[in-house]
Amino acid sequence: QKTAYEIRNCDWSSDVCSSDLVPSSLDIYQTHRDVMALFPTTEDSSPRQHMRVLYIVDGHVARIQSTTPPLCAHTATQVRAGHDGWMRFQSVASPQKREARTGKIVALPHEQTVDWFASKLLGFESREIRVTDRSIVYGRKGEHAITHLRVQVEGDVRVTDWDAAVRTMIEGIGRGRSFGLGLVDVEGLNHG
């Protein structure tokens, strides 16, 4: 079962979550490390995938979905089925494609963004998707530079296939899921 958590600024400085863990929007790899530090340590070689952690950091609030609860959280609600009408959604992802000629992964141009999001929302019908932010995010892991296109969208969705919709919410969409990209946040499915 996957659960959505919200961690506010006051939680970051609690006894469990030291003040060192305030997410840094300047380095996506450091933010990834800060978020993963909120979870119990594991021997798994890929703890983010094992616990199915997806997150969006928005200012001083981190919205996290995972199968394992973080060590501190403001609210917790389970991702659940049961709503058949139109619901608001928000997502932050990295719309990309593989170029056929070179095999390189490239960011999609702005005019293809909405169609990309609609195609990735498996199990949902979408309408009125609009881009609310588009930026490049950076990080560094050792000597390796990390760069992703970060696009935030919002709009309306309704469920057409519950199994596929829940899988989309649990697995996320696109690349860069370790770096605060890929979360599909649907009001009514993961909010109390």
N, C-alpha and C. Protein backbone atom coordinates (compact mmCIF):
# COMPACT_ATOMS: atom_id res chain seq x y z
N GLN A 1 0.85 -1.19 0.00
CA GLN A 1 0.00 0.00 0.00
C GLN A 1 0.89 1.24 0.00
N LYS A 2 0.61 2.16 -0.89
CA LYS A 2 1.39 3.39 -0.95
C LYS A 2 0.63 4.49 -0.22
N THR A 3 1.33 5.32 0.50
CA THR A 3 0.73 6.38 1.29
C THR A 3 1.38 7.71 0.91
N ALA A 4 0.57 8.77 0.89
CA ALA A 4 1.08 10.11 0.62
C ALA A 4 1.36 10.80 1.95
N TYR A 5 2.50 11.47 2.04
CA TYR A 5 2.89 12.18 3.25
C TYR A 5 3.21 13.62 2.88
N GLU A 6 3.01 14.50 3.82
CA GLU A 6 3.41 15.89 3.64
C GLU A 6 4.34 16.25 4.78
N ILE A 7 5.49 16.80 4.45
CA ILE A 7 6.44 17.22 5.46
C ILE A 7 6.63 18.72 5.30
N ARG A 8 6.28 19.46 6.35
CA ARG A 8 6.36 20.92 6.32
C ARG A 8 7.67 21.39 6.93
N ASN A 9 7.95 22.67 6.77
CA ASN A 9 9.16 23.27 7.27
C ASN A 9 9.40 22.94 8.75
N CYS A 10 8.34 23.00 9.59
CA CYS A 10 8.50 22.73 11.02
C CYS A 10 8.93 21.28 11.27
N ASP A 11 8.50 20.35 10.42
CA ASP A 11 8.89 18.95 10.58
C ASP A 11 10.37 18.74 10.28
N TRP A 12 10.90 19.51 9.30
CA TRP A 12 12.31 19.34 8.93
C TRP A 12 13.22 19.63 10.13
N SER A 13 12.77 20.46 11.05
CA SER A 13 13.65 20.80 12.17
C SER A 13 13.24 20.11 13.46
N SER A 14 12.41 19.08 13.39
CA SER A 14 12.00 18.36 14.60
C SER A 14 13.15 17.50 15.10
N ASP A 15 12.95 16.84 16.24
CA ASP A 15 13.99 15.98 16.80
C ASP A 15 14.36 14.85 15.85
N VAL A 16 13.37 14.31 15.13
CA VAL A 16 13.64 13.18 14.24
C VAL A 16 14.29 13.65 12.95
N CYS A 17 13.80 14.73 12.39
CA CYS A 17 14.34 15.27 11.15
C CYS A 17 15.20 16.47 11.48
N SER A 18 16.50 16.31 11.45
CA SER A 18 17.38 17.41 11.84
C SER A 18 17.24 18.57 10.87
N SER A 19 17.60 19.75 11.32
CA SER A 19 17.47 20.95 10.49
C SER A 19 18.40 20.89 9.28
N ASP A 20 19.39 19.97 9.28
CA ASP A 20 20.27 19.81 8.13
C ASP A 20 19.50 19.30 6.91
N LEU A 21 18.30 18.77 7.10
CA LEU A 21 17.60 18.11 6.02
C LEU A 21 16.69 19.03 5.22
N VAL A 22 16.77 20.34 5.43
CA VAL A 22 15.95 21.25 4.63
C VAL A 22 16.36 21.07 3.18
N PRO A 23 15.40 20.72 2.29
CA PRO A 23 15.79 20.43 0.91
C PRO A 23 16.37 21.64 0.20
N SER A 24 17.38 21.39 -0.57
CA SER A 24 18.04 22.44 -1.34
C SER A 24 17.57 22.36 -2.78
N SER A 25 16.95 23.43 -3.27
CA SER A 25 16.50 23.43 -4.65
C SER A 25 17.66 23.67 -5.61
N LEU A 26 18.85 23.97 -5.07
CA LEU A 26 19.99 24.27 -5.92
C LEU A 26 20.69 23.01 -6.42
N ASP A 27 20.56 21.90 -5.73
CA ASP A 27 21.25 20.67 -6.11
C ASP A 27 20.27 19.51 -5.97
N ILE A 28 19.81 18.97 -7.09
CA ILE A 28 18.79 17.92 -7.03
C ILE A 28 19.31 16.63 -6.42
N TYR A 29 20.62 16.37 -6.54
CA TYR A 29 21.16 15.17 -5.91
C TYR A 29 21.18 15.33 -4.39
N GLN A 30 21.53 16.51 -3.89
CA GLN A 30 21.52 16.74 -2.45
C GLN A 30 20.10 16.67 -1.91
N THR A 31 19.12 17.20 -2.65
CA THR A 31 17.73 17.11 -2.23
C THR A 31 17.30 15.65 -2.16
N HIS A 32 17.70 14.85 -3.15
CA HIS A 32 17.42 13.41 -3.12
C HIS A 32 18.00 12.78 -1.85
N ARG A 33 19.22 13.11 -1.53
CA ARG A 33 19.85 12.57 -0.31
C ARG A 33 19.11 13.03 0.95
N ASP A 34 18.69 14.30 0.98
CA ASP A 34 17.95 14.83 2.12
C ASP A 34 16.63 14.09 2.31
N VAL A 35 15.90 13.88 1.20
CA VAL A 35 14.61 13.17 1.29
C VAL A 35 14.83 11.72 1.72
N MET A 36 15.79 11.04 1.13
CA MET A 36 16.02 9.63 1.48
C MET A 36 16.51 9.48 2.93
N ALA A 37 17.12 10.53 3.48
CA ALA A 37 17.54 10.49 4.89
C ALA A 37 16.35 10.48 5.84
N LEU A 38 15.16 10.81 5.32
CA LEU A 38 13.94 10.78 6.14
C LEU A 38 13.43 9.36 6.36
N PHE A 39 14.00 8.39 5.67
CA PHE A 39 13.53 7.01 5.73
C PHE A 39 14.51 6.13 6.49
N PRO A 40 13.99 5.02 7.06
CA PRO A 40 14.88 4.09 7.74
C PRO A 40 15.93 3.56 6.75
N THR A 41 17.13 3.31 7.25
CA THR A 41 18.16 2.75 6.38
C THR A 41 17.80 1.33 6.00
N THR A 42 18.25 0.92 4.83
CA THR A 42 17.95 -0.41 4.33
C THR A 42 19.19 -0.97 3.65
N GLU A 43 19.28 -2.27 3.61
CA GLU A 43 20.40 -2.94 2.95
C GLU A 43 20.19 -3.03 1.44
N ASP A 44 19.01 -2.66 0.99
CA ASP A 44 18.67 -2.75 -0.43
C ASP A 44 19.60 -1.87 -1.25
N SER A 45 20.01 -2.34 -2.43
CA SER A 45 20.93 -1.56 -3.27
C SER A 45 20.23 -0.35 -3.91
N SER A 46 18.91 -0.36 -3.95
CA SER A 46 18.16 0.77 -4.49
C SER A 46 16.98 1.08 -3.57
N PRO A 47 17.25 1.72 -2.42
CA PRO A 47 16.17 1.94 -1.45
C PRO A 47 15.02 2.79 -1.97
N ARG A 48 15.28 3.78 -2.86
CA ARG A 48 14.20 4.59 -3.39
C ARG A 48 13.22 3.74 -4.17
N GLN A 49 13.73 2.84 -5.00
CA GLN A 49 12.85 1.96 -5.76
C GLN A 49 12.18 0.93 -4.85
N HIS A 50 12.90 0.40 -3.90
CA HIS A 50 12.36 -0.61 -2.98
C HIS A 50 11.18 -0.04 -2.18
N MET A 51 11.31 1.18 -1.70
CA MET A 51 10.25 1.82 -0.91
C MET A 51 9.29 2.62 -1.79
N ARG A 52 9.57 2.65 -3.11
CA ARG A 52 8.74 3.36 -4.09
C ARG A 52 8.54 4.82 -3.69
N VAL A 53 9.64 5.48 -3.39
CA VAL A 53 9.60 6.88 -2.95
C VAL A 53 9.54 7.80 -4.17
N LEU A 54 8.52 8.63 -4.21
CA LEU A 54 8.40 9.71 -5.18
C LEU A 54 8.12 10.98 -4.37
N TYR A 55 8.62 12.11 -4.83
CA TYR A 55 8.41 13.33 -4.05
C TYR A 55 8.41 14.56 -4.94
N ILE A 56 7.80 15.60 -4.41
CA ILE A 56 7.86 16.95 -4.97
C ILE A 56 8.24 17.85 -3.80
N VAL A 57 9.26 18.66 -3.96
CA VAL A 57 9.60 19.66 -2.96
C VAL A 57 9.16 21.00 -3.53
N ASP A 58 8.27 21.66 -2.80
CA ASP A 58 7.69 22.92 -3.23
C ASP A 58 7.90 23.93 -2.11
N GLY A 59 8.92 24.76 -2.26
CA GLY A 59 9.26 25.69 -1.18
C GLY A 59 9.75 24.92 0.03
N HIS A 60 9.06 25.08 1.15
CA HIS A 60 9.45 24.38 2.37
C HIS A 60 8.53 23.21 2.68
N VAL A 61 7.80 22.70 1.68
CA VAL A 61 6.92 21.57 1.87
C VAL A 61 7.34 20.46 0.91
N ALA A 62 7.52 19.27 1.45
CA ALA A 62 7.81 18.10 0.61
C ALA A 62 6.59 17.19 0.64
N ARG A 63 6.04 16.87 -0.53
CA ARG A 63 4.96 15.89 -0.64
C ARG A 63 5.61 14.61 -1.10
N ILE A 64 5.45 13.57 -0.31
CA ILE A 64 6.14 12.31 -0.55
C ILE A 64 5.12 11.19 -0.63
N GLN A 65 5.28 10.29 -1.60
CA GLN A 65 4.51 9.05 -1.66
C GLN A 65 5.50 7.91 -1.52
N SER A 66 5.17 6.94 -0.67
CA SER A 66 6.05 5.80 -0.51
C SER A 66 5.30 4.65 0.15
N THR A 67 5.88 3.46 0.05
CA THR A 67 5.31 2.29 0.73
C THR A 67 5.82 2.16 2.15
N THR A 68 6.84 2.93 2.50
CA THR A 68 7.42 2.95 3.85
C THR A 68 7.26 4.36 4.41
N PRO A 69 6.75 4.51 5.63
CA PRO A 69 6.59 5.87 6.16
C PRO A 69 7.93 6.53 6.47
N PRO A 70 8.05 7.84 6.18
CA PRO A 70 9.25 8.56 6.60
C PRO A 70 9.27 8.67 8.12
N LEU A 71 10.42 9.02 8.66
CA LEU A 71 10.56 9.11 10.12
C LEU A 71 9.76 10.24 10.72
N CYS A 72 9.39 11.23 9.92
CA CYS A 72 8.53 12.31 10.39
C CYS A 72 7.64 12.75 9.24
N ALA A 73 6.42 13.11 9.55
CA ALA A 73 5.50 13.57 8.50
C ALA A 73 4.38 14.38 9.13
N HIS A 74 3.91 15.38 8.40
CA HIS A 74 2.83 16.25 8.88
C HIS A 74 1.48 15.56 8.73
N THR A 75 1.21 15.01 7.56
CA THR A 75 -0.05 14.31 7.33
C THR A 75 0.24 13.02 6.59
N ALA A 76 -0.66 12.08 6.67
CA ALA A 76 -0.52 10.83 5.94
C ALA A 76 -1.89 10.36 5.48
N THR A 77 -2.03 10.11 4.20
CA THR A 77 -3.25 9.55 3.67
C THR A 77 -2.89 8.50 2.64
N GLN A 78 -3.66 7.43 2.57
CA GLN A 78 -3.36 6.37 1.63
C GLN A 78 -3.85 6.70 0.24
N VAL A 79 -3.07 6.28 -0.76
CA VAL A 79 -3.53 6.36 -2.13
C VAL A 79 -4.63 5.33 -2.26
N ARG A 80 -5.81 5.76 -2.68
CA ARG A 80 -6.93 4.84 -2.68
C ARG A 80 -7.84 5.08 -3.89
N ALA A 81 -8.54 4.05 -4.25
CA ALA A 81 -9.52 4.14 -5.32
C ALA A 81 -10.85 4.58 -4.72
N GLY A 82 -11.78 5.00 -5.57
CA GLY A 82 -13.11 5.27 -5.07
C GLY A 82 -13.77 6.53 -5.56
N HIS A 83 -13.11 7.34 -6.35
CA HIS A 83 -13.70 8.58 -6.84
C HIS A 83 -13.84 8.46 -8.35
N ASP A 84 -15.03 8.70 -8.88
CA ASP A 84 -15.27 8.49 -10.30
C ASP A 84 -15.38 9.77 -11.11
N GLY A 85 -15.41 10.94 -10.48
CA GLY A 85 -15.56 12.19 -11.21
C GLY A 85 -14.22 12.81 -11.57
N TRP A 86 -14.27 14.04 -12.06
CA TRP A 86 -13.06 14.79 -12.40
C TRP A 86 -12.38 15.25 -11.12
N MET A 87 -11.07 15.13 -11.08
CA MET A 87 -10.26 15.53 -9.93
C MET A 87 -9.11 16.39 -10.41
N ARG A 88 -8.67 17.33 -9.58
CA ARG A 88 -7.49 18.14 -9.89
C ARG A 88 -6.25 17.29 -9.70
N PHE A 89 -5.24 17.51 -10.53
CA PHE A 89 -3.97 16.82 -10.34
C PHE A 89 -2.84 17.80 -10.59
N GLN A 90 -1.71 17.44 -10.03
CA GLN A 90 -0.46 18.19 -10.24
C GLN A 90 0.63 17.15 -10.47
N SER A 91 1.55 17.46 -11.32
CA SER A 91 2.69 16.58 -11.54
C SER A 91 3.91 17.42 -11.87
N VAL A 92 5.06 16.92 -11.47
CA VAL A 92 6.34 17.49 -11.86
C VAL A 92 7.14 16.35 -12.47
N ALA A 93 7.53 16.50 -13.71
CA ALA A 93 8.23 15.42 -14.39
C ALA A 93 9.20 16.02 -15.40
N SER A 94 9.91 15.12 -16.09
CA SER A 94 10.90 15.54 -17.09
C SER A 94 10.51 14.94 -18.44
N PRO A 95 9.72 15.69 -19.23
CA PRO A 95 9.30 15.17 -20.54
C PRO A 95 10.49 15.03 -21.49
N GLN A 96 10.77 13.78 -21.88
CA GLN A 96 11.92 13.49 -22.74
C GLN A 96 11.54 12.42 -23.75
N LYS A 97 12.39 12.30 -24.75
CA LYS A 97 12.24 11.22 -25.73
C LYS A 97 13.63 10.81 -26.19
N ARG A 98 13.70 9.63 -26.77
CA ARG A 98 14.95 9.15 -27.34
C ARG A 98 14.94 9.50 -28.83
N GLU A 99 15.98 10.22 -29.28
CA GLU A 99 16.09 10.55 -30.70
C GLU A 99 16.38 9.29 -31.49
N ALA A 100 15.62 9.07 -32.54
CA ALA A 100 15.78 7.86 -33.35
C ALA A 100 17.15 7.83 -34.05
N ARG A 101 17.60 8.96 -34.53
CA ARG A 101 18.85 9.02 -35.29
C ARG A 101 20.08 8.79 -34.42
N THR A 102 20.14 9.43 -33.24
CA THR A 102 21.35 9.37 -32.41
C THR A 102 21.22 8.45 -31.20
N GLY A 103 19.98 8.15 -30.81
CA GLY A 103 19.77 7.34 -29.60
C GLY A 103 19.88 8.13 -28.32
N LYS A 104 20.15 9.43 -28.42
CA LYS A 104 20.28 10.29 -27.24
C LYS A 104 18.91 10.59 -26.64
N ILE A 105 18.90 10.77 -25.32
CA ILE A 105 17.70 11.22 -24.62
C ILE A 105 17.70 12.75 -24.66
N VAL A 106 16.61 13.34 -25.17
CA VAL A 106 16.54 14.79 -25.28
C VAL A 106 15.24 15.29 -24.66
N ALA A 107 15.27 16.51 -24.15
CA ALA A 107 14.08 17.15 -23.59
C ALA A 107 13.13 17.49 -24.72
N LEU A 108 11.84 17.34 -24.45
CA LEU A 108 10.83 17.70 -25.44
C LEU A 108 10.64 19.21 -25.48
N PRO A 109 10.35 19.75 -26.66
CA PRO A 109 10.05 21.18 -26.73
C PRO A 109 8.73 21.49 -26.03
N HIS A 110 8.58 22.76 -25.66
CA HIS A 110 7.42 23.21 -24.90
C HIS A 110 6.10 22.77 -25.54
N GLU A 111 5.98 22.88 -26.86
CA GLU A 111 4.70 22.59 -27.53
C GLU A 111 4.31 21.11 -27.47
N GLN A 112 5.24 20.22 -27.11
CA GLN A 112 4.92 18.79 -27.01
C GLN A 112 4.68 18.34 -25.56
N THR A 113 4.85 19.24 -24.61
CA THR A 113 4.80 18.89 -23.18
C THR A 113 3.43 18.37 -22.75
N VAL A 114 2.37 19.06 -23.08
CA VAL A 114 1.03 18.68 -22.63
C VAL A 114 0.66 17.30 -23.18
N ASP A 115 0.94 17.05 -24.45
CA ASP A 115 0.64 15.74 -25.03
C ASP A 115 1.45 14.63 -24.35
N TRP A 116 2.71 14.92 -24.01
CA TRP A 116 3.55 13.94 -23.32
C TRP A 116 2.92 13.57 -21.98
N PHE A 117 2.53 14.57 -21.19
CA PHE A 117 1.91 14.30 -19.89
C PHE A 117 0.64 13.47 -20.08
N ALA A 118 -0.22 13.87 -21.01
CA ALA A 118 -1.47 13.14 -21.24
C ALA A 118 -1.19 11.68 -21.61
N SER A 119 -0.15 11.43 -22.38
CA SER A 119 0.17 10.05 -22.79
C SER A 119 0.75 9.22 -21.64
N LYS A 120 1.33 9.86 -20.65
CA LYS A 120 1.95 9.14 -19.52
C LYS A 120 0.96 8.88 -18.38
N LEU A 121 -0.18 9.54 -18.39
CA LEU A 121 -1.16 9.37 -17.31
C LEU A 121 -2.02 8.15 -17.59
N LEU A 122 -1.39 6.96 -17.59
CA LEU A 122 -2.08 5.71 -17.89
C LEU A 122 -3.15 5.45 -16.83
N GLY A 123 -4.34 5.07 -17.29
CA GLY A 123 -5.46 4.82 -16.39
C GLY A 123 -6.31 6.05 -16.12
N PHE A 124 -5.91 7.18 -16.70
CA PHE A 124 -6.63 8.44 -16.51
C PHE A 124 -7.02 9.03 -17.86
N GLU A 125 -8.14 9.70 -17.89
CA GLU A 125 -8.47 10.61 -18.97
C GLU A 125 -8.14 12.00 -18.42
N SER A 126 -7.53 12.83 -19.25
CA SER A 126 -7.12 14.16 -18.75
C SER A 126 -7.76 15.25 -19.58
N ARG A 127 -7.87 16.42 -18.97
CA ARG A 127 -8.35 17.61 -19.69
C ARG A 127 -7.72 18.84 -19.05
N GLU A 128 -7.63 19.88 -19.83
CA GLU A 128 -7.16 21.17 -19.37
C GLU A 128 -5.81 21.12 -18.65
N ILE A 129 -4.88 20.34 -19.19
CA ILE A 129 -3.53 20.31 -18.63
C ILE A 129 -2.83 21.60 -19.04
N ARG A 130 -2.23 22.26 -18.06
CA ARG A 130 -1.47 23.46 -18.40
C ARG A 130 -0.14 23.46 -17.64
N VAL A 131 0.86 23.98 -18.31
CA VAL A 131 2.20 24.07 -17.74
C VAL A 131 2.23 25.27 -16.80
N THR A 132 2.67 25.03 -15.55
CA THR A 132 2.76 26.13 -14.58
C THR A 132 4.21 26.53 -14.31
N ASP A 133 5.17 25.67 -14.67
CA ASP A 133 6.58 26.00 -14.49
C ASP A 133 7.41 25.11 -15.40
N ARG A 134 8.47 25.67 -15.94
CA ARG A 134 9.38 24.91 -16.80
C ARG A 134 10.78 25.46 -16.53
N SER A 135 11.67 24.59 -16.05
CA SER A 135 13.02 25.05 -15.71
C SER A 135 14.00 23.88 -15.84
N ILE A 136 15.25 24.20 -15.77
CA ILE A 136 16.31 23.19 -15.77
C ILE A 136 16.80 23.08 -14.32
N VAL A 137 16.94 21.84 -13.84
CA VAL A 137 17.46 21.61 -12.49
C VAL A 137 18.80 20.87 -12.60
N TYR A 138 19.66 21.16 -11.65
CA TYR A 138 21.03 20.65 -11.70
C TYR A 138 21.40 19.96 -10.41
N GLY A 139 22.39 19.11 -10.51
CA GLY A 139 22.97 18.48 -9.34
C GLY A 139 24.32 17.91 -9.69
N ARG A 140 24.98 17.41 -8.69
CA ARG A 140 26.28 16.80 -8.90
C ARG A 140 26.41 15.59 -7.98
N LYS A 141 26.77 14.45 -8.57
CA LYS A 141 27.05 13.24 -7.81
C LYS A 141 28.51 12.91 -8.09
N GLY A 142 29.35 13.26 -7.12
CA GLY A 142 30.79 13.10 -7.34
C GLY A 142 31.24 13.99 -8.49
N GLU A 143 31.85 13.39 -9.49
CA GLU A 143 32.32 14.13 -10.66
C GLU A 143 31.27 14.25 -11.76
N HIS A 144 30.13 13.60 -11.58
CA HIS A 144 29.11 13.57 -12.62
C HIS A 144 28.07 14.67 -12.43
N ALA A 145 27.86 15.46 -13.48
CA ALA A 145 26.83 16.48 -13.46
C ALA A 145 25.49 15.83 -13.79
N ILE A 146 24.44 16.28 -13.10
CA ILE A 146 23.08 15.80 -13.34
C ILE A 146 22.26 17.00 -13.80
N THR A 147 21.57 16.85 -14.92
CA THR A 147 20.74 17.93 -15.46
C THR A 147 19.43 17.33 -15.93
N HIS A 148 18.32 17.93 -15.53
CA HIS A 148 17.00 17.50 -15.98
C HIS A 148 16.14 18.71 -16.30
N LEU A 149 15.31 18.55 -17.33
CA LEU A 149 14.24 19.49 -17.56
C LEU A 149 13.17 19.19 -16.52
N ARG A 150 12.70 20.21 -15.81
CA ARG A 150 11.67 20.05 -14.78
C ARG A 150 10.44 20.83 -15.23
N VAL A 151 9.35 20.11 -15.49
CA VAL A 151 8.12 20.75 -15.93
C VAL A 151 7.02 20.42 -14.93
N GLN A 152 6.37 21.44 -14.43
CA GLN A 152 5.25 21.27 -13.51
C GLN A 152 3.96 21.57 -14.27
N VAL A 153 2.99 20.67 -14.14
CA VAL A 153 1.70 20.87 -14.78
C VAL A 153 0.59 20.66 -13.77
N GLU A 154 -0.59 21.17 -14.11
CA GLU A 154 -1.78 20.87 -13.34
C GLU A 154 -2.94 20.78 -14.33
N GLY A 155 -4.01 20.16 -13.89
CA GLY A 155 -5.17 20.00 -14.74
C GLY A 155 -6.19 19.11 -14.06
N ASP A 156 -7.02 18.48 -14.86
CA ASP A 156 -8.07 17.60 -14.36
C ASP A 156 -7.89 16.21 -14.94
N VAL A 157 -8.18 15.21 -14.12
CA VAL A 157 -8.17 13.82 -14.58
C VAL A 157 -9.38 13.10 -14.00
N ARG A 158 -9.77 12.03 -14.68
CA ARG A 158 -10.71 11.09 -14.09
C ARG A 158 -10.23 9.70 -14.45
N VAL A 159 -10.52 8.78 -13.56
CA VAL A 159 -10.01 7.42 -13.70
C VAL A 159 -10.82 6.67 -14.75
N THR A 160 -10.10 6.01 -15.67
CA THR A 160 -10.74 5.15 -16.66
C THR A 160 -10.40 3.68 -16.42
N ASP A 161 -9.30 3.43 -15.71
CA ASP A 161 -8.85 2.07 -15.40
C ASP A 161 -8.14 2.15 -14.04
N TRP A 162 -8.82 1.65 -12.99
CA TRP A 162 -8.28 1.79 -11.63
C TRP A 162 -6.92 1.14 -11.47
N ASP A 163 -6.72 -0.07 -12.00
CA ASP A 163 -5.42 -0.74 -11.84
C ASP A 163 -4.29 0.08 -12.48
N ALA A 164 -4.53 0.56 -13.69
CA ALA A 164 -3.50 1.35 -14.38
C ALA A 164 -3.27 2.68 -13.68
N ALA A 165 -4.33 3.32 -13.19
CA ALA A 165 -4.20 4.60 -12.50
C ALA A 165 -3.38 4.46 -11.22
N VAL A 166 -3.67 3.45 -10.44
CA VAL A 166 -2.91 3.23 -9.19
C VAL A 166 -1.45 2.92 -9.53
N ARG A 167 -1.21 2.13 -10.58
CA ARG A 167 0.16 1.81 -10.99
C ARG A 167 0.90 3.10 -11.41
N THR A 168 0.21 3.98 -12.14
CA THR A 168 0.83 5.26 -12.54
C THR A 168 1.22 6.07 -11.31
N MET A 169 0.34 6.12 -10.32
CA MET A 169 0.64 6.89 -9.11
C MET A 169 1.76 6.25 -8.30
N ILE A 170 1.80 4.94 -8.25
CA ILE A 170 2.83 4.25 -7.47
C ILE A 170 4.19 4.34 -8.15
N GLU A 171 4.22 4.13 -9.46
CA GLU A 171 5.50 4.07 -10.18
C GLU A 171 5.99 5.44 -10.64
N GLY A 172 5.08 6.41 -10.79
CA GLY A 172 5.47 7.72 -11.29
C GLY A 172 5.62 7.70 -12.80
N ILE A 173 6.00 8.85 -13.36
CA ILE A 173 6.12 8.98 -14.81
C ILE A 173 7.45 9.61 -15.20
N GLY A 174 7.98 9.18 -16.32
CA GLY A 174 9.18 9.79 -16.88
C GLY A 174 10.46 9.42 -16.16
N ARG A 175 11.51 10.10 -16.55
CA ARG A 175 12.85 9.89 -15.97
C ARG A 175 13.06 10.85 -14.79
N GLY A 176 14.12 10.61 -14.04
CA GLY A 176 14.51 11.51 -12.97
C GLY A 176 13.71 11.35 -11.68
N ARG A 177 13.12 10.18 -11.48
CA ARG A 177 12.29 9.96 -10.28
C ARG A 177 13.09 10.05 -8.99
N SER A 178 14.37 9.81 -9.06
CA SER A 178 15.21 9.96 -7.86
C SER A 178 15.42 11.43 -7.49
N PHE A 179 15.09 12.32 -8.40
CA PHE A 179 15.41 13.73 -8.21
C PHE A 179 14.18 14.62 -8.14
N GLY A 180 13.11 14.12 -7.53
CA GLY A 180 11.92 14.94 -7.33
C GLY A 180 11.07 15.10 -8.57
N LEU A 181 11.19 14.18 -9.52
CA LEU A 181 10.41 14.21 -10.74
C LEU A 181 9.59 12.94 -10.84
N GLY A 182 8.42 13.02 -11.46
CA GLY A 182 7.63 11.82 -11.73
C GLY A 182 6.40 11.62 -10.87
N LEU A 183 6.27 12.34 -9.76
CA LEU A 183 5.13 12.18 -8.89
C LEU A 183 3.85 12.69 -9.56
N VAL A 184 2.78 11.90 -9.51
CA VAL A 184 1.46 12.32 -9.96
C VAL A 184 0.61 12.45 -8.70
N ASP A 185 0.23 13.67 -8.38
CA ASP A 185 -0.47 14.00 -7.14
C ASP A 185 -1.93 14.31 -7.50
N VAL A 186 -2.84 13.39 -7.19
CA VAL A 186 -4.24 13.53 -7.58
C VAL A 186 -5.10 13.81 -6.35
N GLU A 187 -5.74 14.96 -6.34
CA GLU A 187 -6.63 15.35 -5.25
C GLU A 187 -7.83 14.40 -5.25
N GLY A 188 -8.14 13.85 -4.09
CA GLY A 188 -9.26 12.92 -4.01
C GLY A 188 -8.80 11.48 -3.98
N LEU A 189 -7.60 11.18 -4.49
CA LEU A 189 -7.06 9.83 -4.42
C LEU A 189 -6.01 9.71 -3.35
N ASN A 190 -5.27 10.79 -3.10
CA ASN A 190 -4.24 10.70 -2.07
C ASN A 190 -4.29 11.88 -1.11
N HIS A 191 -5.47 12.49 -0.98
CA HIS A 191 -5.66 13.56 0.02
C HIS A 191 -6.88 13.21 0.83
N GLY A 192 -6.77 13.43 2.12
CA GLY A 192 -7.89 13.13 3.00
C GLY A 192 -9.02 14.11 2.87
